[in-house]
Amino acid sequence: MKKFVTLAVIASTAIGSAAWAQTMQPSTPAGRDMNSMPGQTSNPNTNLPATSSNATAAEAAAKAQIEAKGYNGIKSLTRDTTGNWTGKAMRNNVEVAVTLDTKGNIREQ
């Protein structure tokens, strides 16, 4: 009987502690907005490249090759089945369609 009572007390204490821990509110460091996500910054570095955050390494390399040839504002890069990259880019303030082939050659369309 004493073992049963002791186990019952231990079990109810553990359950009570778990329930109390679940009702606690998360703490927020002083000066940080409650709605901000951890790891975010209030002063983002705006000098970063405009490549999308989910761009592949191959897409970033293709964009760098196109930029090296004097184009900027590169967008809508897609890769076809033969490995050529096509997209839109700016050159001399005019938007042009460009293709980067597998040999590194760029053609305007």
PDB file of N, CA and C in Angstrom:
ATOM      1  N   MET A   1       0.824  -1.190   0.000  1.00  0.00           N
ATOM      2  CA  MET A   1       0.000   0.000   0.000  1.00  0.00           C
ATOM      3  C   MET A   1       0.867   1.252   0.000  1.00  0.00           C
ATOM      4  N   LYS A   2       1.983   1.229   0.761  1.00  0.00           N
ATOM      5  CA  LYS A   2       2.855   2.397   0.809  1.00  0.00           C
ATOM      6  C   LYS A   2       3.496   2.641  -0.560  1.00  0.00           C
ATOM      7  N   LYS A   3       3.840   1.549  -1.294  1.00  0.00           N
ATOM      8  CA  LYS A   3       4.435   1.710  -2.615  1.00  0.00           C
ATOM      9  C   LYS A   3       3.436   2.354  -3.570  1.00  0.00           C
ATOM     10  N   PHE A   4       2.179   1.934  -3.461  1.00  0.00           N
ATOM     11  CA  PHE A   4       1.154   2.484  -4.328  1.00  0.00           C
ATOM     12  C   PHE A   4       0.960   3.973  -4.073  1.00  0.00           C
ATOM     13  N   VAL A   5       0.918   4.370  -2.819  1.00  0.00           N
ATOM     14  CA  VAL A   5       0.731   5.778  -2.462  1.00  0.00           C
ATOM     15  C   VAL A   5       1.940   6.591  -2.924  1.00  0.00           C
ATOM     16  N   THR A   6       3.158   6.063  -2.737  1.00  0.00           N
ATOM     17  CA  THR A   6       4.371   6.767  -3.145  1.00  0.00           C
ATOM     18  C   THR A   6       4.386   6.951  -4.662  1.00  0.00           C
ATOM     19  N   LEU A   7       4.040   5.903  -5.412  1.00  0.00           N
ATOM     20  CA  LEU A   7       3.997   6.009  -6.869  1.00  0.00           C
ATOM     21  C   LEU A   7       2.927   6.996  -7.317  1.00  0.00           C
ATOM     22  N   ALA A   8       1.797   7.019  -6.643  1.00  0.00           N
ATOM     23  CA  ALA A   8       0.726   7.937  -6.989  1.00  0.00           C
ATOM     24  C   ALA A   8       1.167   9.381  -6.767  1.00  0.00           C
ATOM     25  N   VAL A   9       1.890   9.644  -5.690  1.00  0.00           N
ATOM     26  CA  VAL A   9       2.376  10.995  -5.396  1.00  0.00           C
ATOM     27  C   VAL A   9       3.403  11.416  -6.443  1.00  0.00           C
ATOM     28  N   ILE A  10       4.322  10.509  -6.787  1.00  0.00           N
ATOM     29  CA  ILE A  10       5.341  10.822  -7.791  1.00  0.00           C
ATOM     30  C   ILE A  10       4.686  11.091  -9.142  1.00  0.00           C
ATOM     31  N   ALA A  11       3.729  10.268  -9.532  1.00  0.00           N
ATOM     32  CA  ALA A  11       3.060  10.428 -10.818  1.00  0.00           C
ATOM     33  C   ALA A  11       2.284  11.742 -10.874  1.00  0.00           C
ATOM     34  N   SER A  12       1.568  12.085  -9.813  1.00  0.00           N
ATOM     35  CA  SER A  12       0.790  13.326  -9.830  1.00  0.00           C
ATOM     36  C   SER A  12       1.712  14.547  -9.818  1.00  0.00           C
ATOM     37  N   THR A  13       2.856  14.453  -9.165  1.00  0.00           N
ATOM     38  CA  THR A  13       3.822  15.556  -9.164  1.00  0.00           C
ATOM     39  C   THR A  13       4.383  15.755 -10.566  1.00  0.00           C
ATOM     40  N   ALA A  14       4.731  14.673 -11.248  1.00  0.00           N
ATOM     41  CA  ALA A  14       5.273  14.769 -12.607  1.00  0.00           C
ATOM     42  C   ALA A  14       4.242  15.340 -13.575  1.00  0.00           C
ATOM     43  N   ILE A  15       3.011  14.910 -13.463  1.00  0.00           N
ATOM     44  CA  ILE A  15       1.952  15.406 -14.343  1.00  0.00           C
ATOM     45  C   ILE A  15       1.691  16.879 -14.069  1.00  0.00           C
ATOM     46  N   GLY A  16       1.658  17.254 -12.816  1.00  0.00           N
ATOM     47  CA  GLY A  16       1.439  18.652 -12.450  1.00  0.00           C
ATOM     48  C   GLY A  16       2.559  19.539 -12.955  1.00  0.00           C
ATOM     49  N   SER A  17       3.798  19.076 -12.876  1.00  0.00           N
ATOM     50  CA  SER A  17       4.936  19.867 -13.356  1.00  0.00           C
ATOM     51  C   SER A  17       4.873  20.045 -14.864  1.00  0.00           C
ATOM     52  N   ALA A  18       4.513  18.991 -15.577  1.00  0.00           N
ATOM     53  CA  ALA A  18       4.424  19.079 -17.032  1.00  0.00           C
ATOM     54  C   ALA A  18       3.317  20.040 -17.443  1.00  0.00           C
ATOM     55  N   ALA A  19       2.191  19.990 -16.760  1.00  0.00           N
ATOM     56  CA  ALA A  19       1.081  20.882 -17.084  1.00  0.00           C
ATOM     57  C   ALA A  19       1.463  22.326 -16.785  1.00  0.00           C
ATOM     58  N   TRP A  20       2.167  22.573 -15.709  1.00  0.00           N
ATOM     59  CA  TRP A  20       2.585  23.926 -15.365  1.00  0.00           C
ATOM     60  C   TRP A  20       3.584  24.451 -16.391  1.00  0.00           C
ATOM     61  N   ALA A  21       4.499  23.615 -16.842  1.00  0.00           N
ATOM     62  CA  ALA A  21       5.503  24.041 -17.811  1.00  0.00           C
ATOM     63  C   ALA A  21       4.849  24.405 -19.144  1.00  0.00           C
ATOM     64  N   GLN A  22       3.778  23.726 -19.506  1.00  0.00           N
ATOM     65  CA  GLN A  22       3.111  24.012 -20.763  1.00  0.00           C
ATOM     66  C   GLN A  22       2.333  25.321 -20.718  1.00  0.00           C
ATOM     67  N   THR A  23       1.965  25.794 -19.556  1.00  0.00           N
ATOM     68  CA  THR A  23       1.193  27.028 -19.472  1.00  0.00           C
ATOM     69  C   THR A  23       2.077  28.254 -19.328  1.00  0.00           C
ATOM     70  N   MET A  24       3.376  28.083 -19.177  1.00  0.00           N
ATOM     71  CA  MET A  24       4.274  29.234 -19.039  1.00  0.00           C
ATOM     72  C   MET A  24       4.396  29.965 -20.379  1.00  0.00           C
ATOM     73  N   GLN A  25       4.453  31.278 -20.332  1.00  0.00           N
ATOM     74  CA  GLN A  25       4.632  32.083 -21.525  1.00  0.00           C
ATOM     75  C   GLN A  25       6.120  32.157 -21.865  1.00  0.00           C
ATOM     76  N   PRO A  26       6.479  32.159 -23.143  1.00  0.00           N
ATOM     77  CA  PRO A  26       7.884  32.276 -23.507  1.00  0.00           C
ATOM     78  C   PRO A  26       8.413  33.650 -23.112  1.00  0.00           C
ATOM     79  N   SER A  27       9.652  33.685 -22.710  1.00  0.00           N
ATOM     80  CA  SER A  27      10.244  34.968 -22.326  1.00  0.00           C
ATOM     81  C   SER A  27      10.820  35.646 -23.563  1.00  0.00           C
ATOM     82  N   THR A  28      10.797  36.963 -23.557  1.00  0.00           N
ATOM     83  CA  THR A  28      11.325  37.748 -24.657  1.00  0.00           C
ATOM     84  C   THR A  28      12.387  38.676 -24.105  1.00  0.00           C
ATOM     85  N   PRO A  29      13.569  38.711 -24.725  1.00  0.00           N
ATOM     86  CA  PRO A  29      14.596  39.633 -24.244  1.00  0.00           C
ATOM     87  C   PRO A  29      14.097  41.076 -24.285  1.00  0.00           C
ATOM     88  N   ALA A  30      14.557  41.868 -23.361  1.00  0.00           N
ATOM     89  CA  ALA A  30      14.139  43.263 -23.281  1.00  0.00           C
ATOM     90  C   ALA A  30      14.468  43.984 -24.579  1.00  0.00           C
ATOM     91  N   GLY A  31      13.540  44.788 -25.054  1.00  0.00           N
ATOM     92  CA  GLY A  31      13.765  45.585 -26.242  1.00  0.00           C
ATOM     93  C   GLY A  31      13.394  44.900 -27.544  1.00  0.00           C
ATOM     94  N   ARG A  32      13.015  43.627 -27.505  1.00  0.00           N
ATOM     95  CA  ARG A  32      12.653  42.935 -28.745  1.00  0.00           C
ATOM     96  C   ARG A  32      11.143  42.824 -28.844  1.00  0.00           C
ATOM     97  N   ASP A  33      10.631  43.062 -30.019  1.00  0.00           N
ATOM     98  CA  ASP A  33       9.203  42.995 -30.271  1.00  0.00           C
ATOM     99  C   ASP A  33       8.723  41.554 -30.102  1.00  0.00           C
ATOM    100  N   MET A  34       7.592  41.368 -29.462  1.00  0.00           N
ATOM    101  CA  MET A  34       7.052  40.012 -29.252  1.00  0.00           C
ATOM    102  C   MET A  34       6.700  39.344 -30.577  1.00  0.00           C
ATOM    103  N   ASN A  35       6.426  40.109 -31.621  1.00  0.00           N
ATOM    104  CA  ASN A  35       6.020  39.533 -32.893  1.00  0.00           C
ATOM    105  C   ASN A  35       7.196  39.207 -33.808  1.00  0.00           C
ATOM    106  N   SER A  36       8.413  39.587 -33.427  1.00  0.00           N
ATOM    107  CA  SER A  36       9.558  39.305 -34.287  1.00  0.00           C
ATOM    108  C   SER A  36       9.992  37.863 -34.114  1.00  0.00           C
ATOM    109  N   MET A  37      10.535  37.316 -35.166  1.00  0.00           N
ATOM    110  CA  MET A  37      10.997  35.933 -35.144  1.00  0.00           C
ATOM    111  C   MET A  37      12.444  35.894 -34.674  1.00  0.00           C
ATOM    112  N   PRO A  38      12.825  34.891 -33.894  1.00  0.00           N
ATOM    113  CA  PRO A  38      14.217  34.778 -33.482  1.00  0.00           C
ATOM    114  C   PRO A  38      15.128  34.643 -34.693  1.00  0.00           C
ATOM    115  N   GLY A  39      16.282  35.284 -34.640  1.00  0.00           N
ATOM    116  CA  GLY A  39      17.243  35.198 -35.718  1.00  0.00           C
ATOM    117  C   GLY A  39      17.092  36.289 -36.761  1.00  0.00           C
ATOM    118  N   GLN A  40      15.991  37.029 -36.725  1.00  0.00           N
ATOM    119  CA  GLN A  40      15.825  38.113 -37.683  1.00  0.00           C
ATOM    120  C   GLN A  40      16.590  39.328 -37.201  1.00  0.00           C
ATOM    121  N   THR A  41      16.823  40.245 -38.087  1.00  0.00           N
ATOM    122  CA  THR A  41      17.529  41.461 -37.728  1.00  0.00           C
ATOM    123  C   THR A  41      16.680  42.662 -38.101  1.00  0.00           C
ATOM    124  N   SER A  42      16.825  43.727 -37.342  1.00  0.00           N
ATOM    125  CA  SER A  42      16.096  44.948 -37.661  1.00  0.00           C
ATOM    126  C   SER A  42      16.890  45.814 -38.628  1.00  0.00           C
ATOM    127  N   ASN A  43      18.112  45.396 -38.957  1.00  0.00           N
ATOM    128  CA  ASN A  43      18.968  46.158 -39.862  1.00  0.00           C
ATOM    129  C   ASN A  43      19.533  45.216 -40.919  1.00  0.00           C
ATOM    130  N   PRO A  44      18.716  44.794 -41.891  1.00  0.00           N
ATOM    131  CA  PRO A  44      19.200  43.832 -42.883  1.00  0.00           C
ATOM    132  C   PRO A  44      20.269  44.436 -43.773  1.00  0.00           C
ATOM    133  N   ASN A  45      21.184  43.605 -44.219  1.00  0.00           N
ATOM    134  CA  ASN A  45      22.239  44.044 -45.120  1.00  0.00           C
ATOM    135  C   ASN A  45      21.643  44.150 -46.521  1.00  0.00           C
ATOM    136  N   THR A  46      21.521  45.361 -47.017  1.00  0.00           N
ATOM    137  CA  THR A  46      20.905  45.555 -48.335  1.00  0.00           C
ATOM    138  C   THR A  46      21.912  45.447 -49.464  1.00  0.00           C
ATOM    139  N   ASN A  47      23.164  45.166 -49.150  1.00  0.00           N
ATOM    140  CA  ASN A  47      24.182  45.020 -50.187  1.00  0.00           C
ATOM    141  C   ASN A  47      24.294  43.588 -50.696  1.00  0.00           C
ATOM    142  N   LEU A  48      23.415  42.707 -50.246  1.00  0.00           N
ATOM    143  CA  LEU A  48      23.463  41.318 -50.673  1.00  0.00           C
ATOM    144  C   LEU A  48      22.939  41.191 -52.094  1.00  0.00           C
ATOM    145  N   PRO A  49      23.376  40.172 -52.838  1.00  0.00           N
ATOM    146  CA  PRO A  49      22.872  40.001 -54.207  1.00  0.00           C
ATOM    147  C   PRO A  49      21.379  39.738 -54.213  1.00  0.00           C
ATOM    148  N   ALA A  50      20.748  40.056 -55.327  1.00  0.00           N
ATOM    149  CA  ALA A  50      19.296  39.941 -55.434  1.00  0.00           C
ATOM    150  C   ALA A  50      18.850  38.539 -55.825  1.00  0.00           C
ATOM    151  N   THR A  51      19.730  37.549 -55.745  1.00  0.00           N
ATOM    152  CA  THR A  51      19.371  36.181 -56.076  1.00  0.00           C
ATOM    153  C   THR A  51      18.330  35.688 -55.073  1.00  0.00           C
ATOM    154  N   SER A  52      17.332  34.969 -55.553  1.00  0.00           N
ATOM    155  CA  SER A  52      16.305  34.477 -54.653  1.00  0.00           C
ATOM    156  C   SER A  52      16.916  33.543 -53.622  1.00  0.00           C
ATOM    157  N   SER A  53      16.272  33.472 -52.466  1.00  0.00           N
ATOM    158  CA  SER A  53      16.840  32.705 -51.368  1.00  0.00           C
ATOM    159  C   SER A  53      16.871  31.202 -51.638  1.00  0.00           C
ATOM    160  N   ASN A  54      16.075  30.727 -52.570  1.00  0.00           N
ATOM    161  CA  ASN A  54      16.085  29.300 -52.870  1.00  0.00           C
ATOM    162  C   ASN A  54      16.759  28.986 -54.208  1.00  0.00           C
ATOM    163  N   ALA A  55      17.585  29.931 -54.690  1.00  0.00           N
ATOM    164  CA  ALA A  55      18.298  29.701 -55.946  1.00  0.00           C
ATOM    165  C   ALA A  55      19.332  28.599 -55.770  1.00  0.00           C
ATOM    166  N   THR A  56      19.492  27.797 -56.788  1.00  0.00           N
ATOM    167  CA  THR A  56      20.488  26.740 -56.739  1.00  0.00           C
ATOM    168  C   THR A  56      21.865  27.334 -57.004  1.00  0.00           C
ATOM    169  N   ALA A  57      22.881  26.585 -56.677  1.00  0.00           N
ATOM    170  CA  ALA A  57      24.247  27.031 -56.947  1.00  0.00           C
ATOM    171  C   ALA A  57      24.462  27.197 -58.445  1.00  0.00           C
ATOM    172  N   ALA A  58      23.868  26.324 -59.238  1.00  0.00           N
ATOM    173  CA  ALA A  58      24.011  26.415 -60.694  1.00  0.00           C
ATOM    174  C   ALA A  58      23.355  27.689 -61.219  1.00  0.00           C
ATOM    175  N   GLU A  59      22.199  28.045 -60.673  1.00  0.00           N
ATOM    176  CA  GLU A  59      21.518  29.270 -61.099  1.00  0.00           C
ATOM    177  C   GLU A  59      22.339  30.494 -60.709  1.00  0.00           C
ATOM    178  N   ALA A  60      22.902  30.493 -59.508  1.00  0.00           N
ATOM    179  CA  ALA A  60      23.738  31.614 -59.071  1.00  0.00           C
ATOM    180  C   ALA A  60      24.984  31.735 -59.946  1.00  0.00           C
ATOM    181  N   ALA A  61      25.571  30.608 -60.351  1.00  0.00           N
ATOM    182  CA  ALA A  61      26.752  30.625 -61.219  1.00  0.00           C
ATOM    183  C   ALA A  61      26.391  31.163 -62.600  1.00  0.00           C
ATOM    184  N   ALA A  62      25.232  30.772 -63.125  1.00  0.00           N
ATOM    185  CA  ALA A  62      24.783  31.267 -64.423  1.00  0.00           C
ATOM    186  C   ALA A  62      24.548  32.773 -64.360  1.00  0.00           C
ATOM    187  N   LYS A  63      23.934  33.221 -63.283  1.00  0.00           N
ATOM    188  CA  LYS A  63      23.681  34.651 -63.119  1.00  0.00           C
ATOM    189  C   LYS A  63      25.006  35.409 -63.063  1.00  0.00           C
ATOM    190  N   ALA A  64      25.983  34.877 -62.347  1.00  0.00           N
ATOM    191  CA  ALA A  64      27.291  35.528 -62.253  1.00  0.00           C
ATOM    192  C   ALA A  64      27.968  35.610 -63.625  1.00  0.00           C
ATOM    193  N   GLN A  65      27.840  34.566 -64.433  1.00  0.00           N
ATOM    194  CA  GLN A  65      28.425  34.579 -65.776  1.00  0.00           C
ATOM    195  C   GLN A  65      27.764  35.639 -66.653  1.00  0.00           C
ATOM    196  N   ILE A  66      26.455  35.760 -66.553  1.00  0.00           N
ATOM    197  CA  ILE A  66      25.732  36.752 -67.351  1.00  0.00           C
ATOM    198  C   ILE A  66      26.115  38.162 -66.896  1.00  0.00           C
ATOM    199  N   GLU A  67      26.203  38.371 -65.580  1.00  0.00           N
ATOM    200  CA  GLU A  67      26.603  39.681 -65.062  1.00  0.00           C
ATOM    201  C   GLU A  67      28.019  40.043 -65.503  1.00  0.00           C
ATOM    202  N   ALA A  68      28.907  39.056 -65.582  1.00  0.00           N
ATOM    203  CA  ALA A  68      30.289  39.304 -65.992  1.00  0.00           C
ATOM    204  C   ALA A  68      30.367  39.805 -67.433  1.00  0.00           C
ATOM    205  N   LYS A  69      29.342  39.525 -68.221  1.00  0.00           N
ATOM    206  CA  LYS A  69      29.313  39.975 -69.625  1.00  0.00           C
ATOM    207  C   LYS A  69      28.635  41.337 -69.778  1.00  0.00           C
ATOM    208  N   GLY A  70      28.355  42.019 -68.662  1.00  0.00           N
ATOM    209  CA  GLY A  70      27.825  43.379 -68.722  1.00  0.00           C
ATOM    210  C   GLY A  70      26.327  43.526 -68.548  1.00  0.00           C
ATOM    211  N   TYR A  71      25.647  42.468 -68.175  1.00  0.00           N
ATOM    212  CA  TYR A  71      24.202  42.538 -67.970  1.00  0.00           C
ATOM    213  C   TYR A  71      23.932  42.732 -66.483  1.00  0.00           C
ATOM    214  N   ASN A  72      22.765  43.308 -66.160  1.00  0.00           N
ATOM    215  CA  ASN A  72      22.330  43.398 -64.766  1.00  0.00           C
ATOM    216  C   ASN A  72      20.818  43.197 -64.711  1.00  0.00           C
ATOM    217  N   GLY A  73      20.258  43.221 -63.519  1.00  0.00           N
ATOM    218  CA  GLY A  73      18.818  43.036 -63.367  1.00  0.00           C
ATOM    219  C   GLY A  73      18.338  41.707 -63.901  1.00  0.00           C
ATOM    220  N   ILE A  74      19.136  40.670 -63.720  1.00  0.00           N
ATOM    221  CA  ILE A  74      18.814  39.358 -64.277  1.00  0.00           C
ATOM    222  C   ILE A  74      17.661  38.736 -63.488  1.00  0.00           C
ATOM    223  N   LYS A  75      16.665  38.224 -64.228  1.00  0.00           N
ATOM    224  CA  LYS A  75      15.512  37.605 -63.564  1.00  0.00           C
ATOM    225  C   LYS A  75      14.939  36.506 -64.439  1.00  0.00           C
ATOM    226  N   SER A  76      14.085  35.722 -63.853  1.00  0.00           N
ATOM    227  CA  SER A  76      13.364  34.642 -64.541  1.00  0.00           C
ATOM    228  C   SER A  76      14.302  33.638 -65.202  1.00  0.00           C
ATOM    229  N   LEU A  77      15.408  33.304 -64.546  1.00  0.00           N
ATOM    230  CA  LEU A  77      16.320  32.310 -65.120  1.00  0.00           C
ATOM    231  C   LEU A  77      15.707  30.924 -65.018  1.00  0.00           C
ATOM    232  N   THR A  78      15.690  30.236 -66.134  1.00  0.00           N
ATOM    233  CA  THR A  78      15.232  28.845 -66.157  1.00  0.00           C
ATOM    234  C   THR A  78      16.224  28.033 -66.976  1.00  0.00           C
ATOM    235  N   ARG A  79      16.306  26.774 -66.656  1.00  0.00           N
ATOM    236  CA  ARG A  79      17.248  25.887 -67.339  1.00  0.00           C
ATOM    237  C   ARG A  79      16.470  24.877 -68.162  1.00  0.00           C
ATOM    238  N   ASP A  80      16.868  24.703 -69.410  1.00  0.00           N
ATOM    239  CA  ASP A  80      16.183  23.721 -70.252  1.00  0.00           C
ATOM    240  C   ASP A  80      16.866  22.358 -70.121  1.00  0.00           C
ATOM    241  N   THR A  81      16.354  21.386 -70.837  1.00  0.00           N
ATOM    242  CA  THR A  81      16.848  20.011 -70.701  1.00  0.00           C
ATOM    243  C   THR A  81      18.254  19.818 -71.253  1.00  0.00           C
ATOM    244  N   THR A  82      18.700  20.746 -72.104  1.00  0.00           N
ATOM    245  CA  THR A  82      20.051  20.631 -72.659  1.00  0.00           C
ATOM    246  C   THR A  82      21.088  21.362 -71.807  1.00  0.00           C
ATOM    247  N   GLY A  83      20.641  22.063 -70.757  1.00  0.00           N
ATOM    248  CA  GLY A  83      21.562  22.749 -69.854  1.00  0.00           C
ATOM    249  C   GLY A  83      21.720  24.226 -70.115  1.00  0.00           C
ATOM    250  N   ASN A  84      20.994  24.769 -71.101  1.00  0.00           N
ATOM    251  CA  ASN A  84      21.054  26.203 -71.397  1.00  0.00           C
ATOM    252  C   ASN A  84      20.176  26.973 -70.415  1.00  0.00           C
ATOM    253  N   TRP A  85      20.642  28.156 -70.020  1.00  0.00           N
ATOM    254  CA  TRP A  85      19.881  29.033 -69.134  1.00  0.00           C
ATOM    255  C   TRP A  85      19.272  30.154 -69.958  1.00  0.00           C
ATOM    256  N   THR A  86      17.997  30.431 -69.760  1.00  0.00           N
ATOM    257  CA  THR A  86      17.342  31.558 -70.425  1.00  0.00           C
ATOM    258  C   THR A  86      16.697  32.434 -69.362  1.00  0.00           C
ATOM    259  N   GLY A  87      16.623  33.711 -69.661  1.00  0.00           N
ATOM    260  CA  GLY A  87      16.014  34.647 -68.730  1.00  0.00           C
ATOM    261  C   GLY A  87      15.959  36.034 -69.326  1.00  0.00           C
ATOM    262  N   LYS A  88      15.672  36.998 -68.481  1.00  0.00           N
ATOM    263  CA  LYS A  88      15.618  38.387 -68.899  1.00  0.00           C
ATOM    264  C   LYS A  88      16.707  39.140 -68.148  1.00  0.00           C
ATOM    265  N   ALA A  89      17.310  40.136 -68.823  1.00  0.00           N
ATOM    266  CA  ALA A  89      18.369  40.935 -68.221  1.00  0.00           C
ATOM    267  C   ALA A  89      18.329  42.337 -68.803  1.00  0.00           C
ATOM    268  N   MET A  90      18.961  43.250 -68.116  1.00  0.00           N
ATOM    269  CA  MET A  90      19.042  44.635 -68.573  1.00  0.00           C
ATOM    270  C   MET A  90      20.439  44.905 -69.122  1.00  0.00           C
ATOM    271  N   ARG A  91      20.478  45.595 -70.269  1.00  0.00           N
ATOM    272  CA  ARG A  91      21.747  46.045 -70.832  1.00  0.00           C
ATOM    273  C   ARG A  91      21.483  47.387 -71.506  1.00  0.00           C
ATOM    274  N   ASN A  92      22.239  48.416 -71.094  1.00  0.00           N
ATOM    275  CA  ASN A  92      22.043  49.776 -71.602  1.00  0.00           C
ATOM    276  C   ASN A  92      20.609  50.256 -71.389  1.00  0.00           C
ATOM    277  N   ASN A  93      20.060  49.969 -70.207  1.00  0.00           N
ATOM    278  CA  ASN A  93      18.707  50.362 -69.811  1.00  0.00           C
ATOM    279  C   ASN A  93      17.616  49.789 -70.698  1.00  0.00           C
ATOM    280  N   VAL A  94      17.890  48.668 -71.348  1.00  0.00           N
ATOM    281  CA  VAL A  94      16.897  47.984 -72.177  1.00  0.00           C
ATOM    282  C   VAL A  94      16.820  46.534 -71.710  1.00  0.00           C
ATOM    283  N   GLU A  95      15.595  46.056 -71.498  1.00  0.00           N
ATOM    284  CA  GLU A  95      15.430  44.658 -71.101  1.00  0.00           C
ATOM    285  C   GLU A  95      15.502  43.773 -72.339  1.00  0.00           C
ATOM    286  N   VAL A  96      16.336  42.738 -72.248  1.00  0.00           N
ATOM    287  CA  VAL A  96      16.496  41.804 -73.363  1.00  0.00           C
ATOM    288  C   VAL A  96      16.374  40.382 -72.835  1.00  0.00           C
ATOM    289  N   ALA A  97      15.985  39.480 -73.713  1.00  0.00           N
ATOM    290  CA  ALA A  97      15.978  38.061 -73.390  1.00  0.00           C
ATOM    291  C   ALA A  97      17.378  37.528 -73.680  1.00  0.00           C
ATOM    292  N   VAL A  98      17.921  36.764 -72.750  1.00  0.00           N
ATOM    293  CA  VAL A  98      19.278  36.231 -72.928  1.00  0.00           C
ATOM    294  C   VAL A  98      19.266  34.717 -72.758  1.00  0.00           C
ATOM    295  N   THR A  99      20.228  34.087 -73.421  1.00  0.00           N
ATOM    296  CA  THR A  99      20.437  32.647 -73.281  1.00  0.00           C
ATOM    297  C   THR A  99      21.915  32.422 -73.024  1.00  0.00           C
ATOM    298  N   LEU A 100      22.215  31.671 -71.979  1.00  0.00           N
ATOM    299  CA  LEU A 100      23.580  31.267 -71.656  1.00  0.00           C
ATOM    300  C   LEU A 100      23.688  29.788 -71.984  1.00  0.00           C
ATOM    301  N   ASP A 101      24.539  29.449 -72.982  1.00  0.00           N
ATOM    302  CA  ASP A 101      24.648  28.042 -73.352  1.00  0.00           C
ATOM    303  C   ASP A 101      25.649  27.320 -72.449  1.00  0.00           C
ATOM    304  N   THR A 102      25.781  26.037 -72.668  1.00  0.00           N
ATOM    305  CA  THR A 102      26.635  25.218 -71.802  1.00  0.00           C
ATOM    306  C   THR A 102      28.114  25.520 -71.962  1.00  0.00           C
ATOM    307  N   LYS A 103      28.484  26.226 -73.037  1.00  0.00           N
ATOM    308  CA  LYS A 103      29.887  26.601 -73.255  1.00  0.00           C
ATOM    309  C   LYS A 103      30.202  27.978 -72.697  1.00  0.00           C
ATOM    310  N   GLY A 104      29.214  28.676 -72.126  1.00  0.00           N
ATOM    311  CA  GLY A 104      29.435  29.981 -71.559  1.00  0.00           C
ATOM    312  C   GLY A 104      29.142  31.138 -72.488  1.00  0.00           C
ATOM    313  N   ASN A 105      28.640  30.859 -73.678  1.00  0.00           N
ATOM    314  CA  ASN A 105      28.292  31.900 -74.646  1.00  0.00           C
ATOM    315  C   ASN A 105      26.920  32.479 -74.329  1.00  0.00           C
ATOM    316  N   ILE A 106      26.796  33.795 -74.482  1.00  0.00           N
ATOM    317  CA  ILE A 106      25.522  34.462 -74.223  1.00  0.00           C
ATOM    318  C   ILE A 106      24.980  35.023 -75.535  1.00  0.00           C
ATOM    319  N   ARG A 107      23.703  34.740 -75.781  1.00  0.00           N
ATOM    320  CA  ARG A 107      23.002  35.266 -76.954  1.00  0.00           C
ATOM    321  C   ARG A 107      21.824  36.101 -76.486  1.00  0.00           C
ATOM    322  N   GLU A 108      21.632  37.244 -77.151  1.00  0.00           N
ATOM    323  CA  GLU A 108      20.439  38.037 -76.930  1.00  0.00           C
ATOM    324  C   GLU A 108      19.382  37.587 -77.919  1.00  0.00           C
ATOM    325  N   GLN A 109      18.153  37.545 -77.483  1.00  0.00           N
ATOM    326  CA  GLN A 109      17.075  37.109 -78.366  1.00  0.00           C
ATOM    327  C   GLN A 109      16.130  38.243 -78.668  1.00  0.00           C
TER     328      GLN A 109
END
